[in-house]
Amino acid sequence: MELKENIREYKMYVGNLEYSVNETDLEQFIQQKGINVKNVRIVKDRITGRSKGFGFAEVNTEEELNTAISTLDGQELKGRKMRVDKARQRRFQSSFRRRQRFPGSRQHR
């Protein structure tokens, strides 16, 4: 049996983005501030493919994460002040619970 290493992710939430900002724009902006970015992802609407105005960026260490947050929070990108904070872990919610919570919202299959 192989044990998996406990790998920590250092992700930050980047919000209040102009809808035209793409991953390349955000990555370049962060790097211009002297922060090494491992990964950047803009969240998009599933149907339209349009940006939802927020995304996530990942760095290598907790120190880089804290520096990035203090450096980037409130900075202006394409005319809007970004909101930057530590990303919260996404909570899994099964479709079964969703149907029970809102029974009339969808047809049950």
Protein backbone atom coordinates (compact mmCIF):
# COMPACT_ATOMS: atom_id res chain seq x y z
CA MET A 1 0.00 0.00 0.00
CA GLU A 2 1.39 3.34 -1.06
CA LEU A 3 0.90 6.35 1.21
CA LYS A 4 0.19 9.65 -0.45
CA GLU A 5 2.26 12.64 0.56
CA ASN A 6 0.43 15.45 2.29
CA ILE A 7 0.75 18.07 -0.43
CA ARG A 8 -0.29 21.56 0.57
CA GLU A 9 -1.73 23.93 -1.96
CA TYR A 10 -1.18 27.64 -1.59
CA LYS A 11 -4.09 29.15 -3.50
CA MET A 12 -5.48 32.64 -3.38
CA TYR A 13 -8.86 33.92 -4.42
CA VAL A 14 -8.72 36.90 -6.78
CA GLY A 15 -12.04 38.71 -7.07
CA ASN A 16 -13.64 41.84 -8.50
CA LEU A 17 -11.92 41.28 -11.84
CA GLU A 18 -13.02 43.05 -15.00
CA TYR A 19 -14.84 40.48 -17.14
CA SER A 20 -12.32 40.92 -19.98
CA VAL A 21 -9.37 39.81 -17.80
CA ASN A 22 -8.07 36.41 -18.91
CA GLU A 23 -5.56 34.01 -17.34
CA THR A 24 -2.61 35.50 -19.23
CA ASP A 25 -3.50 39.06 -18.12
CA LEU A 26 -3.78 38.02 -14.48
CA GLU A 27 -0.62 35.91 -14.53
CA GLN A 28 1.43 38.72 -16.11
CA PHE A 29 0.03 41.28 -13.65
CA ILE A 30 0.96 39.10 -10.67
CA GLN A 31 4.43 38.40 -12.05
CA GLN A 32 5.02 42.13 -12.63
CA LYS A 33 4.55 42.56 -8.88
CA GLY A 34 7.45 40.13 -8.31
CA ILE A 35 5.39 37.09 -7.36
CA ASN A 36 6.11 33.69 -8.92
CA VAL A 37 2.86 32.05 -9.95
CA LYS A 38 2.46 28.31 -10.38
CA ASN A 39 -1.03 28.31 -11.82
CA VAL A 40 -3.80 30.81 -12.65
CA ARG A 41 -7.44 30.02 -13.41
CA ILE A 42 -10.30 32.38 -14.20
CA VAL A 43 -13.72 30.91 -13.37
CA LYS A 44 -16.08 30.95 -16.35
CA ASP A 45 -19.78 30.38 -16.80
CA ARG A 46 -20.40 26.83 -18.05
CA ILE A 47 -22.96 27.87 -20.65
CA THR A 48 -21.64 31.16 -22.03
CA GLY A 49 -17.92 30.70 -21.38
CA ARG A 50 -17.83 34.29 -20.06
CA SER A 51 -15.70 35.16 -17.04
CA LYS A 52 -17.54 35.33 -13.74
CA GLY A 53 -15.19 38.09 -12.54
CA PHE A 54 -13.05 36.03 -10.19
CA GLY A 55 -10.38 33.39 -10.27
CA PHE A 56 -7.63 31.63 -8.38
CA ALA A 57 -3.85 31.75 -8.43
CA GLU A 58 -1.46 29.28 -6.88
CA VAL A 59 2.04 29.93 -5.54
CA ASN A 60 4.72 27.60 -4.13
CA THR A 61 4.96 28.50 -0.45
CA GLU A 62 2.90 29.96 2.36
CA GLU A 63 5.33 32.88 2.57
CA GLU A 64 4.74 33.67 -1.13
CA LEU A 65 1.00 33.37 -0.56
CA ASN A 66 1.02 35.88 2.31
CA THR A 67 3.26 38.27 0.35
CA ALA A 68 1.01 37.99 -2.71
CA ILE A 69 -2.13 38.70 -0.70
CA SER A 70 -0.67 41.77 1.01
CA THR A 71 0.81 43.03 -2.27
CA LEU A 72 -2.15 42.43 -4.58
CA ASP A 73 -5.21 43.15 -2.41
CA GLY A 74 -6.60 46.51 -3.51
CA GLN A 75 -4.39 46.80 -6.60
CA GLU A 76 -6.09 48.05 -9.74
CA LEU A 77 -6.23 45.89 -12.87
CA LYS A 78 -8.09 47.19 -15.93
CA GLY A 79 -9.87 49.85 -13.87
CA ARG A 80 -11.07 47.65 -10.99
CA LYS A 81 -9.59 47.13 -7.54
CA MET A 82 -8.91 43.44 -6.99
CA ARG A 83 -9.97 41.62 -3.85
CA VAL A 84 -7.35 39.03 -2.90
CA ASP A 85 -7.53 36.57 -0.02
CA LYS A 86 -6.66 32.98 0.85
CA ALA A 87 -8.83 30.58 -1.09
CA ARG A 88 -11.24 28.55 0.99
CA GLN A 89 -11.51 24.85 0.33
CA ARG A 90 -14.49 24.05 -1.83
CA ARG A 91 -17.22 22.13 -0.05
CA PHE A 92 -18.57 19.15 -1.92
CA GLN A 93 -22.33 19.07 -2.19
CA SER A 94 -23.96 16.05 -3.74
CA SER A 95 -26.81 16.42 -6.19
CA PHE A 96 -28.97 14.37 -3.80
CA ARG A 97 -28.70 17.05 -1.09
CA ARG A 98 -29.39 19.77 -3.62
CA ARG A 99 -32.62 18.09 -4.72
CA GLN A 100 -33.76 17.65 -1.16
CA ARG A 101 -33.01 21.25 -0.27
CA PHE A 102 -34.84 22.65 -3.30
CA PRO A 103 -37.32 19.93 -4.31
CA GLY A 104 -39.34 22.08 -6.70
CA SER A 105 -36.43 23.70 -8.50
CA ARG A 106 -35.71 20.89 -10.99
CA GLN A 107 -37.40 17.91 -12.51
CA HIS A 108 -36.16 14.71 -10.87
CA ARG A 109 -34.69 12.31 -13.35
